[in-house]
Amino acid sequence: MAMKRLFFTIMAVCAALLCSCSNDEEMLTKQKDSIVKYLTSSRRLIDEQEVSSSLDENPPFYTAFNNSSYRHITNYYEQGRDEWMIVEPNSIIDIQFNAYIFSGSEPGMKDVYWSNIPETISALEANNRHQYDHLIWSKEPLTVRLGRGEVLKGLEDALVGCRDQDSVQVYITSQAAYGKHIIGSVPKNSSVAWYIKILSVTR
């Protein structure tokens, strides 16, 4: 009898784990689809793999990283950009940024969960939308040392290959962001978007 109860207990645990994995995969698929839909419709971008077959000259595009983060360099075709210093896996970069909770539509001030851009911080404070009353957001550039796990995995993947002075939009699924953790005002299992200006690159 005890063996029978143990068997059914093990089966119930396995079923719960399988269901949880299935739900996680379904959620991540929805997040990926939502990001790609937003990039291709609202932003009118194409996948980087389609650039060579595009009939348009200099078509705007996004790049996918491990199907968990998606990058758009807004100034990619700027003249002289190929001479700017490139971000490598061990680079040190200074950035200005707005970080948003991403729900599939255009991120706005109501979605900001972190920023070091003075205008953004002032606007949030003026409208009582400062989500971190117990913290003071720095208005100084954020220094990031890549390769040390100092930033989100999806963000670090997307920053490598950018260049000094690039303006970059990065959209990240919860898997490559905060996962099931609640971080400040960011709910668990949230996609996020970071809009970044790279101010300097050193190695």
N, C-alpha and C. Protein backbone atom coordinates (compact mmCIF):
# COMPACT_ATOMS: atom_id res chain seq x y z
N MET A 1 0.83 -1.21 0.00
CA MET A 1 0.00 0.00 0.00
C MET A 1 0.87 1.27 0.00
N ALA A 2 1.92 1.23 0.85
CA ALA A 2 2.82 2.37 0.92
C ALA A 2 3.53 2.57 -0.41
N MET A 3 3.92 1.48 -1.05
CA MET A 3 4.59 1.57 -2.35
C MET A 3 3.66 2.17 -3.40
N LYS A 4 2.39 1.81 -3.30
CA LYS A 4 1.40 2.33 -4.25
C LYS A 4 1.24 3.84 -4.08
N ARG A 5 1.18 4.30 -2.81
CA ARG A 5 1.06 5.74 -2.54
C ARG A 5 2.30 6.48 -3.05
N LEU A 6 3.47 5.88 -2.81
CA LEU A 6 4.73 6.48 -3.27
C LEU A 6 4.75 6.61 -4.78
N PHE A 7 4.28 5.58 -5.46
CA PHE A 7 4.24 5.58 -6.93
C PHE A 7 3.37 6.72 -7.44
N PHE A 8 2.16 6.85 -6.86
CA PHE A 8 1.24 7.89 -7.33
C PHE A 8 1.75 9.29 -6.97
N THR A 9 2.45 9.41 -5.84
CA THR A 9 3.05 10.69 -5.47
C THR A 9 4.12 11.10 -6.48
N ILE A 10 4.98 10.14 -6.84
CA ILE A 10 6.03 10.41 -7.83
C ILE A 10 5.41 10.79 -9.17
N MET A 11 4.37 10.07 -9.58
CA MET A 11 3.70 10.36 -10.85
C MET A 11 3.09 11.77 -10.83
N ALA A 12 2.51 12.15 -9.69
CA ALA A 12 1.89 13.48 -9.58
C ALA A 12 2.94 14.58 -9.68
N VAL A 13 4.10 14.37 -9.02
CA VAL A 13 5.19 15.34 -9.09
C VAL A 13 5.71 15.47 -10.51
N CYS A 14 5.92 14.34 -11.19
CA CYS A 14 6.40 14.36 -12.58
C CYS A 14 5.42 15.09 -13.49
N ALA A 15 4.12 14.83 -13.29
CA ALA A 15 3.10 15.49 -14.11
C ALA A 15 3.12 17.00 -13.89
N ALA A 16 3.30 17.41 -12.63
CA ALA A 16 3.35 18.84 -12.32
C ALA A 16 4.57 19.49 -12.96
N LEU A 17 5.71 18.80 -12.91
CA LEU A 17 6.93 19.33 -13.52
C LEU A 17 6.79 19.46 -15.03
N LEU A 18 6.19 18.44 -15.66
CA LEU A 18 5.99 18.47 -17.11
C LEU A 18 5.05 19.60 -17.50
N CYS A 19 4.01 19.78 -16.71
CA CYS A 19 3.05 20.85 -16.98
C CYS A 19 3.73 22.21 -16.84
N SER A 20 4.56 22.36 -15.80
CA SER A 20 5.28 23.61 -15.57
C SER A 20 6.21 23.93 -16.73
N CYS A 21 6.96 22.90 -17.20
CA CYS A 21 7.88 23.10 -18.34
C CYS A 21 7.11 23.49 -19.58
N SER A 22 5.97 22.84 -19.80
CA SER A 22 5.14 23.13 -20.97
C SER A 22 4.63 24.57 -20.90
N ASN A 23 4.19 25.00 -19.71
CA ASN A 23 3.69 26.37 -19.55
C ASN A 23 4.80 27.39 -19.78
N ASP A 24 6.02 27.09 -19.28
CA ASP A 24 7.15 27.99 -19.48
C ASP A 24 7.49 28.13 -20.96
N GLU A 25 7.51 27.01 -21.67
CA GLU A 25 7.82 27.04 -23.11
C GLU A 25 6.76 27.82 -23.87
N GLU A 26 5.50 27.63 -23.49
CA GLU A 26 4.41 28.35 -24.15
C GLU A 26 4.52 29.85 -23.90
N MET A 27 4.85 30.23 -22.65
CA MET A 27 5.00 31.64 -22.31
C MET A 27 6.15 32.27 -23.10
N LEU A 28 7.29 31.58 -23.18
CA LEU A 28 8.44 32.12 -23.90
C LEU A 28 8.15 32.24 -25.39
N THR A 29 7.44 31.27 -25.94
CA THR A 29 7.05 31.34 -27.36
C THR A 29 6.17 32.57 -27.60
N LYS A 30 5.24 32.83 -26.70
CA LYS A 30 4.37 34.00 -26.83
C LYS A 30 5.19 35.30 -26.73
N GLN A 31 6.16 35.32 -25.82
CA GLN A 31 7.00 36.51 -25.69
C GLN A 31 7.82 36.75 -26.96
N LYS A 32 8.41 35.70 -27.49
CA LYS A 32 9.20 35.83 -28.72
C LYS A 32 8.32 36.32 -29.86
N ASP A 33 7.15 35.70 -30.00
CA ASP A 33 6.22 36.10 -31.07
C ASP A 33 5.79 37.55 -30.92
N SER A 34 5.56 37.97 -29.68
CA SER A 34 5.14 39.34 -29.41
C SER A 34 6.23 40.33 -29.80
N ILE A 35 7.48 40.01 -29.46
CA ILE A 35 8.59 40.90 -29.80
C ILE A 35 8.77 40.99 -31.30
N VAL A 36 8.78 39.85 -31.97
CA VAL A 36 8.97 39.84 -33.43
C VAL A 36 7.81 40.56 -34.13
N LYS A 37 6.60 40.34 -33.67
CA LYS A 37 5.45 41.04 -34.26
C LYS A 37 5.60 42.55 -34.11
N TYR A 38 6.02 42.98 -32.93
CA TYR A 38 6.22 44.41 -32.70
C TYR A 38 7.31 44.97 -33.62
N LEU A 39 8.43 44.26 -33.73
CA LEU A 39 9.54 44.75 -34.56
C LEU A 39 9.17 44.81 -36.03
N THR A 40 8.42 43.84 -36.50
CA THR A 40 8.10 43.78 -37.94
C THR A 40 6.90 44.65 -38.32
N SER A 41 6.02 44.92 -37.36
CA SER A 41 4.85 45.74 -37.69
C SER A 41 5.05 47.19 -37.24
N SER A 42 5.21 47.40 -35.95
CA SER A 42 5.36 48.78 -35.45
C SER A 42 6.67 49.42 -35.90
N ARG A 43 7.76 48.66 -35.84
CA ARG A 43 9.07 49.18 -36.23
C ARG A 43 9.38 48.99 -37.70
N ARG A 44 8.62 48.14 -38.36
CA ARG A 44 8.79 47.84 -39.79
C ARG A 44 10.21 47.36 -40.11
N LEU A 45 10.69 46.44 -39.30
CA LEU A 45 12.02 45.87 -39.49
C LEU A 45 11.91 44.50 -40.13
N ILE A 46 13.01 44.05 -40.71
CA ILE A 46 13.09 42.69 -41.21
C ILE A 46 14.18 41.96 -40.44
N ASP A 47 14.13 40.65 -40.49
CA ASP A 47 15.18 39.83 -39.86
C ASP A 47 16.49 40.07 -40.61
N GLU A 48 17.58 40.13 -39.88
CA GLU A 48 18.89 40.36 -40.50
C GLU A 48 19.17 39.36 -41.62
N GLN A 49 18.68 38.14 -41.48
CA GLN A 49 18.92 37.11 -42.49
C GLN A 49 18.23 37.43 -43.82
N GLU A 50 17.28 38.36 -43.81
CA GLU A 50 16.55 38.72 -45.02
C GLU A 50 17.15 39.94 -45.73
N VAL A 51 18.15 40.56 -45.12
CA VAL A 51 18.71 41.80 -45.67
C VAL A 51 19.27 41.60 -47.07
N SER A 52 20.01 40.51 -47.28
CA SER A 52 20.66 40.28 -48.58
C SER A 52 19.66 40.08 -49.71
N SER A 53 18.46 39.62 -49.39
CA SER A 53 17.45 39.39 -50.43
C SER A 53 16.44 40.54 -50.54
N SER A 54 16.61 41.58 -49.70
CA SER A 54 15.69 42.70 -49.73
C SER A 54 15.92 43.56 -50.97
N LEU A 55 14.84 44.07 -51.54
CA LEU A 55 14.93 44.95 -52.70
C LEU A 55 15.21 46.40 -52.29
N ASP A 56 15.04 46.67 -50.99
CA ASP A 56 15.28 48.03 -50.49
C ASP A 56 16.76 48.26 -50.26
N GLU A 57 17.17 49.50 -50.47
CA GLU A 57 18.55 49.86 -50.16
C GLU A 57 18.64 50.21 -48.67
N ASN A 58 19.60 49.61 -47.98
CA ASN A 58 19.78 49.84 -46.55
C ASN A 58 18.49 49.60 -45.74
N PRO A 59 17.93 48.40 -45.83
CA PRO A 59 16.69 48.14 -45.09
C PRO A 59 16.95 48.07 -43.58
N PRO A 60 16.09 48.67 -42.77
CA PRO A 60 16.25 48.54 -41.32
C PRO A 60 15.97 47.11 -40.88
N PHE A 61 16.75 46.60 -39.94
CA PHE A 61 16.60 45.18 -39.58
C PHE A 61 16.85 44.98 -38.09
N TYR A 62 16.44 43.81 -37.62
CA TYR A 62 16.75 43.40 -36.26
C TYR A 62 17.59 42.13 -36.30
N THR A 63 18.33 41.89 -35.24
CA THR A 63 19.15 40.69 -35.12
C THR A 63 18.68 39.91 -33.90
N ALA A 64 18.49 38.61 -34.06
CA ALA A 64 18.05 37.75 -32.95
C ALA A 64 19.26 37.03 -32.35
N PHE A 65 19.27 36.92 -31.03
CA PHE A 65 20.33 36.22 -30.31
C PHE A 65 19.72 35.10 -29.48
N ASN A 66 20.01 33.87 -29.88
CA ASN A 66 19.51 32.68 -29.17
C ASN A 66 17.99 32.70 -29.00
N ASN A 67 17.30 33.39 -29.89
CA ASN A 67 15.84 33.51 -29.81
C ASN A 67 15.37 33.98 -28.43
N SER A 68 16.22 34.77 -27.77
CA SER A 68 15.81 35.28 -26.46
C SER A 68 16.04 36.78 -26.32
N SER A 69 16.85 37.36 -27.20
CA SER A 69 16.99 38.82 -27.23
C SER A 69 17.09 39.27 -28.69
N TYR A 70 16.61 40.48 -28.92
CA TYR A 70 16.47 41.01 -30.28
C TYR A 70 17.00 42.43 -30.28
N ARG A 71 17.88 42.74 -31.24
CA ARG A 71 18.56 44.04 -31.26
C ARG A 71 18.27 44.79 -32.54
N HIS A 72 18.04 46.09 -32.39
CA HIS A 72 17.94 46.99 -33.54
C HIS A 72 18.87 48.17 -33.31
N ILE A 73 19.86 48.32 -34.19
CA ILE A 73 20.77 49.47 -34.13
C ILE A 73 20.18 50.54 -35.04
N THR A 74 19.68 51.61 -34.44
CA THR A 74 18.91 52.58 -35.22
C THR A 74 19.77 53.38 -36.20
N ASN A 75 21.06 53.51 -35.91
CA ASN A 75 21.94 54.30 -36.77
C ASN A 75 22.89 53.41 -37.57
N TYR A 76 22.50 52.18 -37.84
CA TYR A 76 23.39 51.19 -38.44
C TYR A 76 24.01 51.68 -39.76
N TYR A 77 23.26 52.42 -40.54
CA TYR A 77 23.75 52.85 -41.86
C TYR A 77 24.39 54.24 -41.84
N GLU A 78 24.64 54.77 -40.66
CA GLU A 78 25.22 56.11 -40.58
C GLU A 78 26.62 56.14 -41.22
N GLN A 79 26.88 57.18 -41.99
CA GLN A 79 28.16 57.30 -42.68
C GLN A 79 29.32 57.34 -41.70
N GLY A 80 30.34 56.54 -41.95
CA GLY A 80 31.53 56.51 -41.11
C GLY A 80 31.42 55.59 -39.91
N ARG A 81 30.26 54.94 -39.74
CA ARG A 81 30.06 54.10 -38.56
C ARG A 81 31.05 52.95 -38.50
N ASP A 82 31.45 52.42 -39.66
CA ASP A 82 32.35 51.26 -39.67
C ASP A 82 33.74 51.60 -39.13
N GLU A 83 34.01 52.88 -38.91
CA GLU A 83 35.30 53.29 -38.35
C GLU A 83 35.25 53.46 -36.83
N TRP A 84 34.04 53.40 -36.26
CA TRP A 84 33.89 53.57 -34.82
C TRP A 84 34.34 52.30 -34.10
N MET A 85 34.82 52.44 -32.87
CA MET A 85 35.31 51.28 -32.11
C MET A 85 34.17 50.30 -31.85
N ILE A 86 34.47 49.03 -32.11
CA ILE A 86 33.46 47.99 -31.95
C ILE A 86 33.46 47.45 -30.52
N VAL A 87 32.29 47.06 -30.05
CA VAL A 87 32.14 46.47 -28.72
C VAL A 87 32.48 44.98 -28.81
N GLU A 88 33.47 44.57 -28.04
CA GLU A 88 33.89 43.17 -28.01
C GLU A 88 33.44 42.52 -26.69
N PRO A 89 33.54 41.19 -26.59
CA PRO A 89 33.05 40.51 -25.38
C PRO A 89 33.68 40.96 -24.08
N ASN A 90 34.87 41.56 -24.13
CA ASN A 90 35.53 42.00 -22.89
C ASN A 90 35.62 43.53 -22.80
N SER A 91 34.85 44.24 -23.59
CA SER A 91 34.92 45.71 -23.61
C SER A 91 34.32 46.32 -22.34
N ILE A 92 34.73 47.54 -22.07
CA ILE A 92 34.11 48.37 -21.03
C ILE A 92 33.38 49.49 -21.75
N ILE A 93 32.08 49.63 -21.47
CA ILE A 93 31.31 50.64 -22.18
C ILE A 93 30.56 51.52 -21.18
N ASP A 94 30.39 52.78 -21.56
CA ASP A 94 29.55 53.70 -20.79
C ASP A 94 28.26 53.90 -21.59
N ILE A 95 27.12 53.78 -20.89
CA ILE A 95 25.85 53.90 -21.59
C ILE A 95 24.88 54.81 -20.85
N GLN A 96 24.00 55.43 -21.63
CA GLN A 96 22.79 56.06 -21.11
C GLN A 96 21.64 55.19 -21.57
N PHE A 97 20.59 55.07 -20.74
CA PHE A 97 19.54 54.12 -21.10
C PHE A 97 18.22 54.45 -20.43
N ASN A 98 17.15 53.98 -21.06
CA ASN A 98 15.85 53.81 -20.45
C ASN A 98 15.56 52.31 -20.50
N ALA A 99 15.17 51.71 -19.38
CA ALA A 99 14.80 50.30 -19.33
C ALA A 99 13.29 50.22 -19.08
N TYR A 100 12.60 49.44 -19.91
CA TYR A 100 11.15 49.37 -19.87
C TYR A 100 10.67 47.94 -19.61
N ILE A 101 9.53 47.82 -18.96
CA ILE A 101 8.78 46.57 -18.98
C ILE A 101 8.10 46.54 -20.35
N PHE A 102 8.28 45.45 -21.10
CA PHE A 102 7.77 45.40 -22.47
C PHE A 102 6.57 44.47 -22.55
N SER A 103 5.46 45.02 -23.05
CA SER A 103 4.21 44.25 -23.13
C SER A 103 3.75 43.99 -24.56
N GLY A 104 4.60 44.34 -25.54
CA GLY A 104 4.23 44.08 -26.93
C GLY A 104 3.83 45.32 -27.70
N SER A 105 3.74 46.45 -27.02
CA SER A 105 3.42 47.70 -27.70
C SER A 105 4.50 48.73 -27.39
N GLU A 106 4.37 49.90 -27.99
CA GLU A 106 5.39 50.94 -27.84
C GLU A 106 5.64 51.27 -26.37
N PRO A 107 6.88 51.08 -25.88
CA PRO A 107 7.15 51.41 -24.47
C PRO A 107 7.02 52.91 -24.24
N GLY A 108 6.46 53.27 -23.09
CA GLY A 108 6.30 54.67 -22.74
C GLY A 108 6.77 54.94 -21.32
N MET A 109 6.54 56.15 -20.86
CA MET A 109 7.00 56.55 -19.53
C MET A 109 6.41 55.67 -18.43
N LYS A 110 5.19 55.20 -18.63
CA LYS A 110 4.55 54.36 -17.61
C LYS A 110 5.24 53.00 -17.47
N ASP A 111 6.05 52.63 -18.46
CA ASP A 111 6.71 51.33 -18.46
C ASP A 111 8.16 51.38 -17.96
N VAL A 112 8.69 52.58 -17.71
CA VAL A 112 10.08 52.70 -17.28
C VAL A 112 10.26 52.09 -15.89
N TYR A 113 11.25 51.21 -15.75
CA TYR A 113 11.57 50.69 -14.43
C TYR A 113 12.98 51.07 -13.98
N TRP A 114 13.77 51.64 -14.88
CA TRP A 114 15.10 52.12 -14.50
C TRP A 114 15.60 53.03 -15.61
N SER A 115 16.33 54.06 -15.24
CA SER A 115 16.89 55.00 -16.22
C SER A 115 18.03 55.78 -15.58
N ASN A 116 18.94 56.24 -16.42
CA ASN A 116 19.93 57.21 -15.94
C ASN A 116 19.93 58.45 -16.84
N ILE A 117 18.85 58.63 -17.58
CA ILE A 117 18.71 59.80 -18.44
C ILE A 117 18.02 60.90 -17.64
N PRO A 118 18.69 62.04 -17.43
CA PRO A 118 18.13 63.09 -16.57
C PRO A 118 16.71 63.50 -16.93
N GLU A 119 16.42 63.65 -18.23
CA GLU A 119 15.08 64.08 -18.66
C GLU A 119 14.02 63.05 -18.26
N THR A 120 14.36 61.77 -18.37
CA THR A 120 13.40 60.72 -17.99
C THR A 120 13.14 60.75 -16.50
N ILE A 121 14.20 60.85 -15.70
CA ILE A 121 14.06 60.85 -14.25
C ILE A 121 13.24 62.06 -13.79
N SER A 122 13.52 63.22 -14.38
CA SER A 122 12.78 64.44 -14.02
C SER A 122 11.30 64.31 -14.37
N ALA A 123 11.03 63.73 -15.54
CA ALA A 123 9.63 63.56 -15.97
C ALA A 123 8.89 62.60 -15.04
N LEU A 124 9.53 61.53 -14.63
CA LEU A 124 8.90 60.56 -13.73
C LEU A 124 8.63 61.19 -12.37
N GLU A 125 9.61 61.93 -11.87
CA GLU A 125 9.44 62.59 -10.57
C GLU A 125 8.33 63.64 -10.62
N ALA A 126 8.26 64.38 -11.71
CA ALA A 126 7.25 65.42 -11.85
C ALA A 126 5.84 64.86 -11.89
N ASN A 127 5.72 63.63 -12.39
CA ASN A 127 4.40 63.01 -12.51
C ASN A 127 4.16 61.94 -11.45
N ASN A 128 4.97 61.97 -10.38
CA ASN A 128 4.85 60.98 -9.31
C ASN A 128 4.90 59.55 -9.83
N ARG A 129 5.70 59.33 -10.86
CA ARG A 129 5.78 57.99 -11.42
C ARG A 129 7.14 57.35 -11.10
N HIS A 130 7.84 57.91 -10.13
CA HIS A 130 9.14 57.33 -9.79
C HIS A 130 8.89 56.04 -9.01
N GLN A 131 9.17 54.90 -9.64
CA GLN A 131 8.82 53.62 -9.04
C GLN A 131 9.71 53.24 -7.86
N TYR A 132 10.88 53.85 -7.75
CA TYR A 132 11.80 53.52 -6.67
C TYR A 132 11.91 54.68 -5.70
N ASP A 133 10.93 54.82 -4.83
CA ASP A 133 10.95 55.93 -3.89
C ASP A 133 12.10 55.82 -2.89
N HIS A 134 12.55 54.60 -2.64
CA HIS A 134 13.60 54.38 -1.64
C HIS A 134 14.99 54.42 -2.25
N LEU A 135 15.09 54.59 -3.56
CA LEU A 135 16.38 54.64 -4.23
C LEU A 135 16.54 55.96 -4.97
N ILE A 136 17.77 56.31 -5.22
CA ILE A 136 18.06 57.48 -6.05
C ILE A 136 18.73 56.98 -7.32
N TRP A 137 18.07 57.20 -8.43
CA TRP A 137 18.65 56.77 -9.71
C TRP A 137 19.77 57.72 -10.08
N SER A 138 20.92 57.17 -10.41
CA SER A 138 22.04 58.00 -10.84
C SER A 138 21.76 58.59 -12.21
N LYS A 139 22.16 59.83 -12.39
CA LYS A 139 22.05 60.47 -13.70
C LYS A 139 23.37 60.40 -14.46
N GLU A 140 24.32 59.68 -13.88
CA GLU A 140 25.62 59.51 -14.53
C GLU A 140 25.57 58.32 -15.49
N PRO A 141 26.42 58.29 -16.51
CA PRO A 141 26.49 57.12 -17.39
C PRO A 141 26.77 55.85 -16.59
N LEU A 142 26.19 54.73 -17.02
CA LEU A 142 26.43 53.44 -16.38
C LEU A 142 27.62 52.78 -17.06
N THR A 143 28.62 52.42 -16.28
CA THR A 143 29.79 51.72 -16.82
C THR A 143 29.56 50.22 -16.72
N VAL A 144 29.65 49.54 -17.85
CA VAL A 144 29.40 48.10 -17.91
C VAL A 144 30.66 47.40 -18.41
N ARG A 145 31.11 46.43 -17.65
CA ARG A 145 32.24 45.60 -18.06
C ARG A 145 31.68 44.28 -18.57
N LEU A 146 31.73 44.09 -19.87
CA LEU A 146 31.15 42.88 -20.46
C LEU A 146 31.97 41.66 -20.08
N GLY A 147 31.30 40.53 -20.03
CA GLY A 147 31.97 39.28 -19.72
C GLY A 147 32.03 38.97 -18.24
N ARG A 148 31.45 39.83 -17.41
CA ARG A 148 31.50 39.62 -15.95
C ARG A 148 30.11 39.40 -15.35
N GLY A 149 29.11 39.29 -16.19
CA GLY A 149 27.77 39.07 -15.67
C GLY A 149 27.17 40.27 -14.97
N GLU A 150 27.62 41.48 -15.32
CA GLU A 150 27.14 42.69 -14.65
C GLU A 150 25.78 43.16 -15.18
N VAL A 151 25.40 42.68 -16.36
CA VAL A 151 24.11 43.07 -16.93
C VAL A 151 23.36 41.81 -17.35
N LEU A 152 22.11 41.97 -17.74
CA LEU A 152 21.30 40.85 -18.18
C LEU A 152 21.99 40.10 -19.31
N LYS A 153 21.86 38.78 -19.29
CA LYS A 153 22.49 37.95 -20.32
C LYS A 153 22.05 38.38 -21.72
N GLY A 154 20.76 38.59 -21.90
CA GLY A 154 20.26 38.98 -23.21
C GLY A 154 20.77 40.33 -23.66
N LEU A 155 21.00 41.22 -22.70
CA LEU A 155 21.53 42.55 -23.02
C LEU A 155 22.99 42.46 -23.41
N GLU A 156 23.76 41.69 -22.67
CA GLU A 156 25.18 41.54 -22.98
C GLU A 156 25.37 40.92 -24.36
N ASP A 157 24.58 39.89 -24.68
CA ASP A 157 24.66 39.27 -26.00
C ASP A 157 24.44 40.30 -27.10
N ALA A 158 23.46 41.17 -26.90
CA ALA A 158 23.09 42.14 -27.93
C ALA A 158 24.06 43.30 -28.05
N LEU A 159 24.76 43.63 -26.98
CA LEU A 159 25.69 44.76 -27.04
C LEU A 159 26.98 44.42 -27.80
N VAL A 160 27.39 43.16 -27.73
CA VAL A 160 28.60 42.76 -28.46
C VAL A 160 28.35 42.92 -29.96
N GLY A 161 29.25 43.61 -30.63
CA GLY A 161 29.08 43.86 -32.06
C GLY A 161 28.56 45.25 -32.37
N CYS A 162 28.05 45.94 -31.35
CA CYS A 162 27.66 47.34 -31.54
C CYS A 162 28.93 48.19 -31.62
N ARG A 163 28.75 49.49 -31.82
CA ARG A 163 29.91 50.38 -31.93
C ARG A 163 29.73 51.61 -31.05
N ASP A 164 30.85 52.24 -30.75
CA ASP A 164 30.85 53.49 -29.99
C ASP A 164 29.89 54.48 -30.65
N GLN A 165 29.04 55.11 -29.85
CA GLN A 165 28.07 56.12 -30.27
C GLN A 165 26.81 55.53 -30.91
N ASP A 166 26.68 54.20 -30.94
CA ASP A 166 25.45 53.59 -31.46
C ASP A 166 24.25 53.90 -30.57
N SER A 167 23.08 53.99 -31.19
CA SER A 167 21.81 54.00 -30.48
C SER A 167 21.17 52.64 -30.72
N VAL A 168 20.87 51.94 -29.63
CA VAL A 168 20.48 50.53 -29.73
C VAL A 168 19.20 50.27 -28.95
N GLN A 169 18.31 49.50 -29.56
CA GLN A 169 17.12 49.04 -28.87
C GLN A 169 17.23 47.53 -28.71
N VAL A 170 17.09 47.05 -27.48
CA VAL A 170 17.22 45.62 -27.20
C VAL A 170 15.95 45.14 -26.51
N TYR A 171 15.34 44.09 -27.06
CA TYR A 171 14.12 43.51 -26.51
C TYR A 171 14.47 42.11 -26.02
N ILE A 172 14.11 41.81 -24.77
CA ILE A 172 14.60 40.61 -24.11
C ILE A 172 13.45 39.83 -23.49
N THR A 173 13.39 38.52 -23.78
CA THR A 173 12.39 37.69 -23.13
C THR A 173 12.74 37.52 -21.66
N SER A 174 11.78 37.08 -20.88
CA SER A 174 12.01 36.89 -19.44
C SER A 174 13.12 35.88 -19.19
N GLN A 175 13.27 34.91 -20.09
CA GLN A 175 14.29 33.88 -19.92
C GLN A 175 15.69 34.48 -19.87
N ALA A 176 15.93 35.52 -20.66
CA ALA A 176 17.25 36.16 -20.71
C ALA A 176 17.26 37.46 -19.92
N ALA A 177 16.16 37.72 -19.17
CA ALA A 177 16.09 38.92 -18.33
C ALA A 177 16.08 38.48 -16.86
N TYR A 178 14.93 38.63 -16.19
CA TYR A 178 14.89 38.35 -14.75
C TYR A 178 14.17 37.05 -14.40
N GLY A 179 13.66 36.35 -15.42
CA GLY A 179 13.01 35.07 -15.18
C GLY A 179 11.83 35.18 -14.23
N LYS A 180 11.80 34.31 -13.24
CA LYS A 180 10.67 34.25 -12.30
C LYS A 180 10.86 35.15 -11.08
N HIS A 181 11.91 35.98 -11.11
CA HIS A 181 12.17 36.89 -10.00
C HIS A 181 11.42 38.20 -10.18
N ILE A 182 10.94 38.77 -9.09
CA ILE A 182 10.35 40.10 -9.10
C ILE A 182 11.47 41.08 -8.75
N ILE A 183 11.78 41.97 -9.69
CA ILE A 183 12.86 42.94 -9.49
C ILE A 183 12.25 44.34 -9.48
N GLY A 184 12.23 44.97 -8.31
CA GLY A 184 11.64 46.30 -8.21
C GLY A 184 10.20 46.28 -8.68
N SER A 185 9.88 47.06 -9.69
CA SER A 185 8.51 47.12 -10.23
C SER A 185 8.31 46.16 -11.40
N VAL A 186 9.32 45.34 -11.70
CA VAL A 186 9.22 44.40 -12.82
C VAL A 186 8.58 43.10 -12.33
N PRO A 187 7.40 42.75 -12.83
CA PRO A 187 6.78 41.49 -12.41
C PRO A 187 7.59 40.29 -12.90
N LYS A 188 7.40 39.14 -12.25
CA LYS A 188 8.08 37.94 -12.71
C LYS A 188 7.62 37.58 -14.11
N ASN A 189 8.48 36.89 -14.84
CA ASN A 189 8.19 36.43 -16.21
C ASN A 189 7.89 37.58 -17.16
N SER A 190 8.59 38.71 -16.99
CA SER A 190 8.35 39.88 -17.84
C SER A 190 9.40 40.01 -18.93
N SER A 191 8.96 40.34 -20.13
CA SER A 191 9.88 40.79 -21.16
C SER A 191 10.27 42.23 -20.83
N VAL A 192 11.48 42.61 -21.24
CA VAL A 192 11.91 43.99 -21.01
C VAL A 192 12.53 44.54 -22.29
N ALA A 193 12.63 45.85 -22.36
CA ALA A 193 13.27 46.53 -23.49
C ALA A 193 14.21 47.59 -22.95
N TRP A 194 15.40 47.63 -23.50
CA TRP A 194 16.39 48.65 -23.12
C TRP A 194 16.69 49.49 -24.35
N TYR A 195 16.53 50.81 -24.22
CA TYR A 195 16.90 51.76 -25.27
C TYR A 195 18.18 52.45 -24.80
N ILE A 196 19.23 52.25 -25.56
CA ILE A 196 20.58 52.59 -25.09
C ILE A 196 21.31 53.51 -26.06
N LYS A 197 22.07 54.42 -25.50
CA LYS A 197 23.05 55.20 -26.25
C LYS A 197 24.42 54.83 -25.71
N ILE A 198 25.29 54.29 -26.58
CA ILE A 198 26.64 53.95 -26.17
C ILE A 198 27.49 55.22 -26.25
N LEU A 199 28.04 55.62 -25.11
CA LEU A 199 28.78 56.88 -25.03
C LEU A 199 30.28 56.71 -25.24
N SER A 200 30.81 55.54 -24.86
CA SER A 200 32.22 55.28 -25.06
C SER A 200 32.50 53.79 -24.98
N VAL A 201 33.57 53.37 -25.64
CA VAL A 201 34.01 51.97 -25.64
C VAL A 201 35.50 51.93 -25.38
N THR A 202 35.92 51.13 -24.40
CA THR A 202 37.35 50.93 -24.16
C THR A 202 37.58 49.44 -23.97
N ARG A 203 38.84 49.02 -24.14
CA ARG A 203 39.17 47.60 -24.02
C ARG A 203 40.28 47.42 -23.00
